[in-house]
Every structure is written in structure tokens, then in C-alpha cells.
Full PDB file with SEQRES, HELIX, SHEET, SSBOND, CRYST1, ORIGX, SCALE, CONECT and MASTER records, all heavy atoms in Angstrom:
SEQRES   1 A   38  ARG LEU GLU PHE PRO CYS SER ILE VAL SER VAL SER ASP          
SEQRES   2 A   38  GLY LEU GLU ALA LEU GLU TYR LEU GLU GLY HIS ASP PRO          
SEQRES   3 A   38  TYR SER ASP ARG SER LYS PHE PRO LEU PRO LYS LEU              
HELIX    1 AA1 GLY A   14  GLU A   22  1                                   9    
CRYST1    1.000    1.000    1.000  90.00  90.00  90.00 P 1           1          
ORIGX1      1.000000  0.000000  0.000000        0.00000                         
ORIGX2      0.000000  1.000000  0.000000        0.00000                         
ORIGX3      0.000000  0.000000  1.000000        0.00000                         
SCALE1      1.000000  0.000000  0.000000        0.00000                         
SCALE2      0.000000  1.000000  0.000000        0.00000                         
SCALE3      0.000000  0.000000  1.000000        0.00000                         
ATOM      1  N   ARG A   1     -35.507  17.020   8.942  1.00  0.00           N  
ATOM      2  CA  ARG A   1     -36.880  17.122   8.448  1.00  0.00           C  
ATOM      3  C   ARG A   1     -37.631  15.798   8.636  1.00  0.00           C  
ATOM      4  O   ARG A   1     -38.813  15.787   8.955  1.00  0.00           O  
ATOM      5  CB  ARG A   1     -36.844  17.515   6.982  1.00  0.00           C  
ATOM      6  CG  ARG A   1     -38.171  17.819   6.388  1.00  0.00           C  
ATOM      7  CD  ARG A   1     -37.965  18.128   4.922  1.00  0.00           C  
ATOM      8  NE  ARG A   1     -38.728  19.288   4.574  1.00  0.00           N  
ATOM      9  CZ  ARG A   1     -38.855  19.749   3.363  1.00  0.00           C  
ATOM     10  NH1 ARG A   1     -38.216  19.153   2.372  1.00  0.00           N  
ATOM     11  NH2 ARG A   1     -39.580  20.787   3.105  1.00  0.00           N  
ATOM     12  N   LEU A   2     -36.949  14.700   8.433  1.00  0.00           N  
ATOM     13  CA  LEU A   2     -37.548  13.378   8.588  1.00  0.00           C  
ATOM     14  C   LEU A   2     -37.693  12.968  10.052  1.00  0.00           C  
ATOM     15  O   LEU A   2     -38.407  12.016  10.359  1.00  0.00           O  
ATOM     16  CB  LEU A   2     -36.698  12.313   7.878  1.00  0.00           C  
ATOM     17  CG  LEU A   2     -36.660  12.364   6.376  1.00  0.00           C  
ATOM     18  CD1 LEU A   2     -35.618  11.389   5.841  1.00  0.00           C  
ATOM     19  CD2 LEU A   2     -38.032  12.056   5.798  1.00  0.00           C  
ATOM     20  N   GLU A   3     -36.971  13.675  10.915  1.00  0.00           N  
ATOM     21  CA  GLU A   3     -36.912  13.295  12.332  1.00  0.00           C  
ATOM     22  C   GLU A   3     -36.511  11.830  12.462  1.00  0.00           C  
ATOM     23  O   GLU A   3     -37.092  11.068  13.230  1.00  0.00           O  
ATOM     24  CB  GLU A   3     -38.241  13.593  13.036  1.00  0.00           C  
ATOM     25  CG  GLU A   3     -38.600  15.055  13.021  1.00  0.00           C  
ATOM     26  CD  GLU A   3     -39.939  15.364  13.681  1.00  0.00           C  
ATOM     27  OE1 GLU A   3     -40.620  14.433  14.156  1.00  0.00           O  
ATOM     28  OE2 GLU A   3     -40.296  16.542  13.712  1.00  0.00           O  
ATOM     29  N   PHE A   4     -35.510  11.462  11.669  1.00  0.00           N  
ATOM     30  CA  PHE A   4     -35.054  10.074  11.629  1.00  0.00           C  
ATOM     31  C   PHE A   4     -34.209   9.772  12.863  1.00  0.00           C  
ATOM     32  O   PHE A   4     -33.268  10.507  13.170  1.00  0.00           O  
ATOM     33  CB  PHE A   4     -34.254   9.835  10.340  1.00  0.00           C  
ATOM     34  CG  PHE A   4     -34.355   8.432   9.849  1.00  0.00           C  
ATOM     35  CD1 PHE A   4     -35.449   8.026   9.106  1.00  0.00           C  
ATOM     36  CD2 PHE A   4     -33.379   7.507  10.146  1.00  0.00           C  
ATOM     37  CE1 PHE A   4     -35.563   6.722   8.659  1.00  0.00           C  
ATOM     38  CE2 PHE A   4     -33.479   6.207   9.697  1.00  0.00           C  
ATOM     39  CZ  PHE A   4     -34.579   5.819   8.953  1.00  0.00           C  
ATOM     40  N   PRO A   5     -34.512   8.691  13.593  1.00  0.00           N  
ATOM     41  CA  PRO A   5     -33.820   8.377  14.851  1.00  0.00           C  
ATOM     42  C   PRO A   5     -32.443   7.752  14.620  1.00  0.00           C  
ATOM     43  O   PRO A   5     -32.289   6.533  14.631  1.00  0.00           O  
ATOM     44  CB  PRO A   5     -34.766   7.382  15.523  1.00  0.00           C  
ATOM     45  CG  PRO A   5     -35.430   6.678  14.382  1.00  0.00           C  
ATOM     46  CD  PRO A   5     -35.562   7.716  13.286  1.00  0.00           C  
ATOM     47  N   CYS A   6     -31.446   8.598  14.390  1.00  0.00           N  
ATOM     48  CA  CYS A   6     -30.096   8.084  14.166  1.00  0.00           C  
ATOM     49  C   CYS A   6     -29.087   9.178  14.460  1.00  0.00           C  
ATOM     50  O   CYS A   6     -29.431  10.333  14.658  1.00  0.00           O  
ATOM     51  CB  CYS A   6     -29.946   7.598  12.728  1.00  0.00           C  
ATOM     52  SG  CYS A   6     -30.030   8.919  11.524  1.00  0.00           S  
ATOM     53  N   SER A   7     -27.851   8.775  14.447  1.00  0.00           N  
ATOM     54  CA  SER A   7     -26.738   9.696  14.584  1.00  0.00           C  
ATOM     55  C   SER A   7     -25.984   9.686  13.255  1.00  0.00           C  
ATOM     56  O   SER A   7     -25.710   8.621  12.707  1.00  0.00           O  
ATOM     57  CB  SER A   7     -25.832   9.214  15.714  1.00  0.00           C  
ATOM     58  OG  SER A   7     -24.654   9.963  15.755  1.00  0.00           O  
ATOM     59  N   ILE A   8     -25.665  10.867  12.744  1.00  0.00           N  
ATOM     60  CA  ILE A   8     -24.931  10.958  11.478  1.00  0.00           C  
ATOM     61  C   ILE A   8     -23.498  11.375  11.775  1.00  0.00           C  
ATOM     62  O   ILE A   8     -23.266  12.392  12.428  1.00  0.00           O  
ATOM     63  CB  ILE A   8     -25.569  11.967  10.519  1.00  0.00           C  
ATOM     64  CG1 ILE A   8     -26.998  11.559  10.219  1.00  0.00           C  
ATOM     65  CG2 ILE A   8     -24.749  12.089   9.236  1.00  0.00           C  
ATOM     66  CD1 ILE A   8     -27.780  12.606   9.473  1.00  0.00           C  
ATOM     67  N   VAL A   9     -22.566  10.571  11.304  1.00  0.00           N  
ATOM     68  CA  VAL A   9     -21.149  10.913  11.389  1.00  0.00           C  
ATOM     69  C   VAL A   9     -20.711  11.233   9.978  1.00  0.00           C  
ATOM     70  O   VAL A   9     -20.919  10.439   9.053  1.00  0.00           O  
ATOM     71  CB  VAL A   9     -20.313   9.744  11.955  1.00  0.00           C  
ATOM     72  CG1 VAL A   9     -18.832  10.093  11.925  1.00  0.00           C  
ATOM     73  CG2 VAL A   9     -20.754   9.395  13.359  1.00  0.00           C  
ATOM     74  N   SER A  10     -20.110  12.394   9.807  1.00  0.00           N  
ATOM     75  CA  SER A  10     -19.694  12.834   8.483  1.00  0.00           C  
ATOM     76  C   SER A  10     -18.172  12.866   8.385  1.00  0.00           C  
ATOM     77  O   SER A  10     -17.500  13.395   9.268  1.00  0.00           O  
ATOM     78  CB  SER A  10     -20.260  14.236   8.222  1.00  0.00           C  
ATOM     79  OG  SER A  10     -19.836  14.716   6.983  1.00  0.00           O  
ATOM     80  N   VAL A  11     -17.649  12.260   7.312  1.00  0.00           N  
ATOM     81  CA  VAL A  11     -16.223  12.326   7.001  1.00  0.00           C  
ATOM     82  C   VAL A  11     -16.082  12.830   5.572  1.00  0.00           C  
ATOM     83  O   VAL A  11     -17.011  12.740   4.785  1.00  0.00           O  
ATOM     84  CB  VAL A  11     -15.521  10.958   7.199  1.00  0.00           C  
ATOM     85  CG1 VAL A  11     -15.566  10.537   8.656  1.00  0.00           C  
ATOM     86  CG2 VAL A  11     -16.126   9.894   6.308  1.00  0.00           C  
ATOM     87  N   SER A  12     -14.912  13.369   5.239  1.00  0.00           N  
ATOM     88  CA  SER A  12     -14.785  14.094   3.981  1.00  0.00           C  
ATOM     89  C   SER A  12     -14.227  13.309   2.802  1.00  0.00           C  
ATOM     90  O   SER A  12     -14.185  13.834   1.692  1.00  0.00           O  
ATOM     91  CB  SER A  12     -13.940  15.350   4.194  1.00  0.00           C  
ATOM     92  OG  SER A  12     -12.653  14.988   4.637  1.00  0.00           O  
ATOM     93  N   ASP A  13     -13.790  12.075   3.021  1.00  0.00           N  
ATOM     94  CA  ASP A  13     -13.319  11.269   1.888  1.00  0.00           C  
ATOM     95  C   ASP A  13     -13.221   9.807   2.292  1.00  0.00           C  
ATOM     96  O   ASP A  13     -13.399   9.458   3.458  1.00  0.00           O  
ATOM     97  CB  ASP A  13     -11.977  11.778   1.341  1.00  0.00           C  
ATOM     98  CG  ASP A  13     -10.845  11.748   2.348  1.00  0.00           C  
ATOM     99  OD1 ASP A  13     -10.641  10.706   3.007  1.00  0.00           O  
ATOM    100  OD2 ASP A  13     -10.140  12.765   2.482  1.00  0.00           O  
ATOM    101  N   GLY A  14     -12.943   8.964   1.327  1.00  0.00           N  
ATOM    102  CA  GLY A  14     -12.891   7.535   1.565  1.00  0.00           C  
ATOM    103  C   GLY A  14     -11.795   7.114   2.521  1.00  0.00           C  
ATOM    104  O   GLY A  14     -11.975   6.172   3.302  1.00  0.00           O  
ATOM    105  N   LEU A  15     -10.668   7.804   2.498  1.00  0.00           N  
ATOM    106  CA  LEU A  15      -9.578   7.444   3.400  1.00  0.00           C  
ATOM    107  C   LEU A  15      -9.964   7.720   4.850  1.00  0.00           C  
ATOM    108  O   LEU A  15      -9.712   6.900   5.736  1.00  0.00           O  
ATOM    109  CB  LEU A  15      -8.304   8.201   3.023  1.00  0.00           C  
ATOM    110  CG  LEU A  15      -7.028   7.774   3.734  1.00  0.00           C  
ATOM    111  CD1 LEU A  15      -6.750   6.288   3.537  1.00  0.00           C  
ATOM    112  CD2 LEU A  15      -5.850   8.598   3.255  1.00  0.00           C  
ATOM    113  N   GLU A  16     -10.622   8.839   5.095  1.00  0.00           N  
ATOM    114  CA  GLU A  16     -11.083   9.142   6.452  1.00  0.00           C  
ATOM    115  C   GLU A  16     -12.163   8.125   6.880  1.00  0.00           C  
ATOM    116  O   GLU A  16     -12.217   7.704   8.029  1.00  0.00           O  
ATOM    117  CB  GLU A  16     -11.617  10.566   6.536  1.00  0.00           C  
ATOM    118  CG  GLU A  16     -11.895  11.014   7.952  1.00  0.00           C  
ATOM    119  CD  GLU A  16     -12.347  12.462   8.055  1.00  0.00           C  
ATOM    120  OE1 GLU A  16     -12.384  13.183   7.035  1.00  0.00           O  
ATOM    121  OE2 GLU A  16     -12.699  12.867   9.178  1.00  0.00           O  
ATOM    122  N   ALA A  17     -12.998   7.716   5.939  1.00  0.00           N  
ATOM    123  CA  ALA A  17     -14.017   6.696   6.229  1.00  0.00           C  
ATOM    124  C   ALA A  17     -13.358   5.375   6.598  1.00  0.00           C  
ATOM    125  O   ALA A  17     -13.777   4.693   7.540  1.00  0.00           O  
ATOM    126  CB  ALA A  17     -14.939   6.510   5.029  1.00  0.00           C  
ATOM    127  N   LEU A  18     -12.325   5.000   5.874  1.00  0.00           N  
ATOM    128  CA  LEU A  18     -11.585   3.781   6.172  1.00  0.00           C  
ATOM    129  C   LEU A  18     -10.996   3.849   7.580  1.00  0.00           C  
ATOM    130  O   LEU A  18     -11.098   2.896   8.358  1.00  0.00           O  
ATOM    131  CB  LEU A  18     -10.486   3.620   5.122  1.00  0.00           C  
ATOM    132  CG  LEU A  18      -9.658   2.355   5.146  1.00  0.00           C  
ATOM    133  CD1 LEU A  18      -9.315   1.951   3.718  1.00  0.00           C  
ATOM    134  CD2 LEU A  18      -8.390   2.574   5.927  1.00  0.00           C  
ATOM    135  N   GLU A  19     -10.431   5.005   7.940  1.00  0.00           N  
ATOM    136  CA  GLU A  19      -9.859   5.183   9.277  1.00  0.00           C  
ATOM    137  C   GLU A  19     -10.950   5.063  10.344  1.00  0.00           C  
ATOM    138  O   GLU A  19     -10.741   4.460  11.393  1.00  0.00           O  
ATOM    139  CB  GLU A  19      -9.141   6.524   9.365  1.00  0.00           C  
ATOM    140  CG  GLU A  19      -7.885   6.566   8.520  1.00  0.00           C  
ATOM    141  CD  GLU A  19      -7.327   7.970   8.309  1.00  0.00           C  
ATOM    142  OE1 GLU A  19      -7.962   8.962   8.747  1.00  0.00           O  
ATOM    143  OE2 GLU A  19      -6.256   8.077   7.691  1.00  0.00           O  
ATOM    144  N   TYR A  20     -12.120   5.621  10.056  1.00  0.00           N  
ATOM    145  CA  TYR A  20     -13.254   5.517  10.980  1.00  0.00           C  
ATOM    146  C   TYR A  20     -13.662   4.051  11.163  1.00  0.00           C  
ATOM    147  O   TYR A  20     -13.798   3.570  12.281  1.00  0.00           O  
ATOM    148  CB  TYR A  20     -14.434   6.332  10.448  1.00  0.00           C  
ATOM    149  CG  TYR A  20     -15.657   6.261  11.343  1.00  0.00           C  
ATOM    150  CD1 TYR A  20     -15.892   7.243  12.298  1.00  0.00           C  
ATOM    151  CD2 TYR A  20     -16.563   5.211  11.253  1.00  0.00           C  
ATOM    152  CE1 TYR A  20     -16.992   7.178  13.139  1.00  0.00           C  
ATOM    153  CE2 TYR A  20     -17.667   5.129  12.091  1.00  0.00           C  
ATOM    154  CZ  TYR A  20     -17.882   6.116  13.023  1.00  0.00           C  
ATOM    155  OH  TYR A  20     -18.969   6.034  13.862  1.00  0.00           O  
ATOM    156  N   LEU A  21     -13.855   3.353  10.059  1.00  0.00           N  
ATOM    157  CA  LEU A  21     -14.318   1.967  10.127  1.00  0.00           C  
ATOM    158  C   LEU A  21     -13.297   1.040  10.779  1.00  0.00           C  
ATOM    159  O   LEU A  21     -13.658   0.073  11.447  1.00  0.00           O  
ATOM    160  CB  LEU A  21     -14.682   1.467   8.729  1.00  0.00           C  
ATOM    161  CG  LEU A  21     -15.917   2.124   8.117  1.00  0.00           C  
ATOM    162  CD1 LEU A  21     -16.054   1.734   6.654  1.00  0.00           C  
ATOM    163  CD2 LEU A  21     -17.172   1.765   8.902  1.00  0.00           C  
ATOM    164  N   GLU A  22     -12.026   1.312  10.591  1.00  0.00           N  
ATOM    165  CA  GLU A  22     -10.981   0.493  11.211  1.00  0.00           C  
ATOM    166  C   GLU A  22     -10.731   0.868  12.665  1.00  0.00           C  
ATOM    167  O   GLU A  22     -10.008   0.176  13.362  1.00  0.00           O  
ATOM    168  CB  GLU A  22      -9.680   0.588  10.415  1.00  0.00           C  
ATOM    169  CG  GLU A  22      -9.742  -0.129   9.080  1.00  0.00           C  
ATOM    170  CD  GLU A  22      -8.409  -0.147   8.374  1.00  0.00           C  
ATOM    171  OE1 GLU A  22      -7.597   0.797   8.543  1.00  0.00           O  
ATOM    172  OE2 GLU A  22      -8.161  -1.108   7.636  1.00  0.00           O  
ATOM    173  N   GLY A  23     -11.295   1.984  13.114  1.00  0.00           N  
ATOM    174  CA  GLY A  23     -11.134   2.408  14.501  1.00  0.00           C  
ATOM    175  C   GLY A  23      -9.800   3.040  14.812  1.00  0.00           C  
ATOM    176  O   GLY A  23      -9.318   2.983  15.938  1.00  0.00           O  
ATOM    177  N   HIS A  24      -9.188   3.667  13.809  1.00  0.00           N  
ATOM    178  CA  HIS A  24      -7.928   4.379  14.042  1.00  0.00           C  
ATOM    179  C   HIS A  24      -8.219   5.736  14.678  1.00  0.00           C  
ATOM    180  O   HIS A  24      -9.304   6.288  14.522  1.00  0.00           O  
ATOM    181  CB  HIS A  24      -7.166   4.592  12.723  1.00  0.00           C  
ATOM    182  CG  HIS A  24      -6.713   3.321  12.089  1.00  0.00           C  
ATOM    183  ND1 HIS A  24      -5.809   2.469  12.676  1.00  0.00           N  
ATOM    184  CD2 HIS A  24      -7.065   2.739  10.916  1.00  0.00           C  
ATOM    185  CE1 HIS A  24      -5.611   1.420  11.885  1.00  0.00           C  
ATOM    186  NE2 HIS A  24      -6.368   1.559  10.818  1.00  0.00           N  
ATOM    187  N   ASP A  25      -7.221   6.278  15.383  1.00  0.00           N  
ATOM    188  CA  ASP A  25      -7.381   7.615  15.969  1.00  0.00           C  
ATOM    189  C   ASP A  25      -7.746   8.614  14.884  1.00  0.00           C  
ATOM    190  O   ASP A  25      -7.233   8.509  13.774  1.00  0.00           O  
ATOM    191  CB  ASP A  25      -6.083   8.057  16.652  1.00  0.00           C  
ATOM    192  CG  ASP A  25      -5.878   7.383  18.003  1.00  0.00           C  
ATOM    193  OD1 ASP A  25      -6.888   7.005  18.614  1.00  0.00           O  
ATOM    194  OD2 ASP A  25      -4.719   7.254  18.427  1.00  0.00           O  
ATOM    195  N   PRO A  26      -8.643   9.492  15.144  1.00  0.00           N  
ATOM    196  CA  PRO A  26      -9.315   9.798  16.405  1.00  0.00           C  
ATOM    197  C   PRO A  26     -10.611   9.012  16.627  1.00  0.00           C  
ATOM    198  O   PRO A  26     -11.424   9.372  17.472  1.00  0.00           O  
ATOM    199  CB  PRO A  26      -9.633  11.279  16.268  1.00  0.00           C  
ATOM    200  CG  PRO A  26      -9.921  11.438  14.804  1.00  0.00           C  
ATOM    201  CD  PRO A  26      -8.983  10.470  14.102  1.00  0.00           C  
ATOM    202  N   TYR A  27     -10.831   7.940  15.880  1.00  0.00           N  
ATOM    203  CA  TYR A  27     -12.090   7.185  15.923  1.00  0.00           C  
ATOM    204  C   TYR A  27     -11.999   5.880  16.713  1.00  0.00           C  
ATOM    205  O   TYR A  27     -12.812   4.986  16.533  1.00  0.00           O  
ATOM    206  CB  TYR A  27     -12.557   6.867  14.492  1.00  0.00           C  
ATOM    207  CG  TYR A  27     -12.633   8.086  13.614  1.00  0.00           C  
ATOM    208  CD1 TYR A  27     -11.747   8.257  12.555  1.00  0.00           C  
ATOM    209  CD2 TYR A  27     -13.591   9.065  13.838  1.00  0.00           C  
ATOM    210  CE1 TYR A  27     -11.826   9.376  11.735  1.00  0.00           C  
ATOM    211  CE2 TYR A  27     -13.677  10.189  13.032  1.00  0.00           C  
ATOM    212  CZ  TYR A  27     -12.785  10.333  11.985  1.00  0.00           C  
ATOM    213  OH  TYR A  27     -12.873  11.443  11.182  1.00  0.00           O  
ATOM    214  N   SER A  28     -11.020   5.752  17.587  1.00  0.00           N  
ATOM    215  CA  SER A  28     -10.781   4.475  18.257  1.00  0.00           C  
ATOM    216  C   SER A  28     -11.800   4.152  19.356  1.00  0.00           C  
ATOM    217  O   SER A  28     -11.979   2.984  19.695  1.00  0.00           O  
ATOM    218  CB  SER A  28      -9.365   4.438  18.830  1.00  0.00           C  
ATOM    219  OG  SER A  28      -9.180   5.531  19.711  1.00  0.00           O  
ATOM    220  N   ASP A  29     -12.473   5.137  19.897  1.00  0.00           N  
ATOM    221  CA  ASP A  29     -13.453   4.904  20.958  1.00  0.00           C  
ATOM    222  C   ASP A  29     -14.800   4.547  20.336  1.00  0.00           C  
ATOM    223  O   ASP A  29     -15.537   5.406  19.873  1.00  0.00           O  
ATOM    224  CB  ASP A  29     -13.580   6.152  21.833  1.00  0.00           C  
ATOM    225  CG  ASP A  29     -14.493   5.957  23.027  1.00  0.00           C  
ATOM    226  OD1 ASP A  29     -15.222   4.937  23.091  1.00  0.00           O  
ATOM    227  OD2 ASP A  29     -14.497   6.848  23.894  1.00  0.00           O  
ATOM    228  N   ARG A  30     -15.139   3.242  20.334  1.00  0.00           N  
ATOM    229  CA  ARG A  30     -16.378   2.778  19.694  1.00  0.00           C  
ATOM    230  C   ARG A  30     -17.635   3.248  20.426  1.00  0.00           C  
ATOM    231  O   ARG A  30     -18.709   3.244  19.845  1.00  0.00           O  
ATOM    232  CB  ARG A  30     -16.384   1.255  19.545  1.00  0.00           C  
ATOM    233  CG  ARG A  30     -15.526   0.789  18.399  1.00  0.00           C  
ATOM    234  CD  ARG A  30     -16.126   1.231  17.071  1.00  0.00           C  
ATOM    235  NE  ARG A  30     -15.263   0.846  15.978  1.00  0.00           N  
ATOM    236  CZ  ARG A  30     -15.021   1.591  14.920  1.00  0.00           C  
ATOM    237  NH1 ARG A  30     -15.584   2.762  14.783  1.00  0.00           N  
ATOM    238  NH2 ARG A  30     -14.227   1.178  13.978  1.00  0.00           N  
ATOM    239  N   SER A  31     -17.511   3.681  21.678  1.00  0.00           N  
ATOM    240  CA  SER A  31     -18.693   4.232  22.344  1.00  0.00           C  
ATOM    241  C   SER A  31     -19.030   5.610  21.765  1.00  0.00           C  
ATOM    242  O   SER A  31     -20.191   5.991  21.721  1.00  0.00           O  
ATOM    243  CB  SER A  31     -18.489   4.314  23.857  1.00  0.00           C  
ATOM    244  OG  SER A  31     -17.455   5.223  24.177  1.00  0.00           O  
ATOM    245  N   LYS A  32     -18.038   6.320  21.294  1.00  0.00           N  
ATOM    246  CA  LYS A  32     -18.257   7.626  20.655  1.00  0.00           C  
ATOM    247  C   LYS A  32     -18.413   7.492  19.137  1.00  0.00           C  
ATOM    248  O   LYS A  32     -19.090   8.292  18.517  1.00  0.00           O  
ATOM    249  CB  LYS A  32     -17.083   8.570  20.943  1.00  0.00           C  
ATOM    250  CG  LYS A  32     -16.981   9.011  22.363  1.00  0.00           C  
ATOM    251  CD  LYS A  32     -15.807   9.952  22.532  1.00  0.00           C  
ATOM    252  CE  LYS A  32     -15.616  10.322  23.989  1.00  0.00           C  
ATOM    253  NZ  LYS A  32     -14.429  11.168  24.178  1.00  0.00           N  
ATOM    254  N   PHE A  33     -17.738   6.513  18.565  1.00  0.00           N  
ATOM    255  CA  PHE A  33     -17.725   6.321  17.112  1.00  0.00           C  
ATOM    256  C   PHE A  33     -18.098   4.880  16.764  1.00  0.00           C  
ATOM    257  O   PHE A  33     -17.253   4.092  16.330  1.00  0.00           O  
ATOM    258  CB  PHE A  33     -16.345   6.661  16.536  1.00  0.00           C  
ATOM    259  CG  PHE A  33     -15.893   8.052  16.855  1.00  0.00           C  
ATOM    260  CD1 PHE A  33     -14.950   8.294  17.842  1.00  0.00           C  
ATOM    261  CD2 PHE A  33     -16.427   9.140  16.172  1.00  0.00           C  
ATOM    262  CE1 PHE A  33     -14.539   9.580  18.148  1.00  0.00           C  
ATOM    263  CE2 PHE A  33     -16.025  10.430  16.462  1.00  0.00           C  
ATOM    264  CZ  PHE A  33     -15.079  10.652  17.454  1.00  0.00           C  
ATOM    265  N   PRO A  34     -19.370   4.516  16.949  1.00  0.00           N  
ATOM    266  CA  PRO A  34     -19.785   3.130  16.681  1.00  0.00           C  
ATOM    267  C   PRO A  34     -19.772   2.813  15.186  1.00  0.00           C  
ATOM    268  O   PRO A  34     -19.833   3.712  14.336  1.00  0.00           O  
ATOM    269  CB  PRO A  34     -21.211   3.082  17.233  1.00  0.00           C  
ATOM    270  CG  PRO A  34     -21.681   4.487  17.194  1.00  0.00           C  
ATOM    271  CD  PRO A  34     -20.468   5.355  17.401  1.00  0.00           C  
ATOM    272  N   LEU A  35     -19.703   1.527  14.896  1.00  0.00           N  
ATOM    273  CA  LEU A  35     -19.801   1.112  13.503  1.00  0.00           C  
ATOM    274  C   LEU A  35     -21.178   1.499  12.972  1.00  0.00           C  
ATOM    275  O   LEU A  35     -22.172   1.401  13.684  1.00  0.00           O  
ATOM    276  CB  LEU A  35     -19.582  -0.388  13.368  1.00  0.00           C  
ATOM    277  CG  LEU A  35     -18.144  -0.856  13.557  1.00  0.00           C  
ATOM    278  CD1 LEU A  35     -18.089  -2.376  13.574  1.00  0.00           C  
ATOM    279  CD2 LEU A  35     -17.243  -0.301  12.478  1.00  0.00           C  
ATOM    280  N   PRO A  36     -21.242   1.947  11.737  1.00  0.00           N  
ATOM    281  CA  PRO A  36     -22.532   2.382  11.189  1.00  0.00           C  
ATOM    282  C   PRO A  36     -23.416   1.216  10.771  1.00  0.00           C  
ATOM    283  O   PRO A  36     -22.939   0.113  10.524  1.00  0.00           O  
ATOM    284  CB  PRO A  36     -22.115   3.201   9.965  1.00  0.00           C  
ATOM    285  CG  PRO A  36     -20.833   2.583   9.530  1.00  0.00           C  
ATOM    286  CD  PRO A  36     -20.140   2.149  10.798  1.00  0.00           C  
ATOM    287  N   LYS A  37     -24.697   1.494  10.673  1.00  0.00           N  
ATOM    288  CA  LYS A  37     -25.665   0.541  10.116  1.00  0.00           C  
ATOM    289  C   LYS A  37     -25.777   0.721   8.612  1.00  0.00           C  
ATOM    290  O   LYS A  37     -26.238  -0.164   7.908  1.00  0.00           O  
ATOM    291  CB  LYS A  37     -27.051   0.764  10.730  1.00  0.00           C  
ATOM    292  CG  LYS A  37     -27.155   0.397  12.167  1.00  0.00           C  
ATOM    293  CD  LYS A  37     -27.458  -1.053  12.314  1.00  0.00           C  
ATOM    294  CE  LYS A  37     -27.734  -1.375  13.770  1.00  0.00           C  
ATOM    295  NZ  LYS A  37     -28.225  -2.697  13.951  1.00  0.00           N  
ATOM    296  N   LEU A  38     -25.345   1.906   8.127  1.00  0.00           N  
ATOM    297  CA  LEU A  38     -25.520   2.268   6.725  1.00  0.00           C  
ATOM    298  C   LEU A  38     -24.476   3.303   6.354  1.00  0.00           C  
ATOM    299  O   LEU A  38     -24.084   4.118   7.195  1.00  0.00           O  
ATOM    300  CB  LEU A  38     -26.924   2.856   6.528  1.00  0.00           C  
ATOM    301  CG  LEU A  38     -27.294   3.377   5.150  1.00  0.00           C  
ATOM    302  CD1 LEU A  38     -27.659   2.205   4.245  1.00  0.00           C  
ATOM    303  CD2 LEU A  38     -28.471   4.327   5.249  1.00  0.00           C  
TER     304      LEU A  38                                                      
MASTER        0    0    0    1    0    0    0    6  303    1    0    3          
END                                                                             
């Protein structure tokens, strides 16, 4: 609705978020899973 220029990556809990931020599989490719701004 906001037409906000961003990509949203959704994870279901803090442990999955930690894995994303640390770049563990399946999130190891930073071109597909970049570090978030927020």
C-alpha cells in the first residue's frame, strides 16, 4: 500500500533470524540474502 522501495525477507522466529544475519545456510548467498537496513 505504501509502495515502499524495499525487499522484505520474512523469518518465523529469532533463531531463524540469527541464522539469516550470520549467513548460515540457506542464507549464505549475500546477493540473494543481503544484510537488512532495518
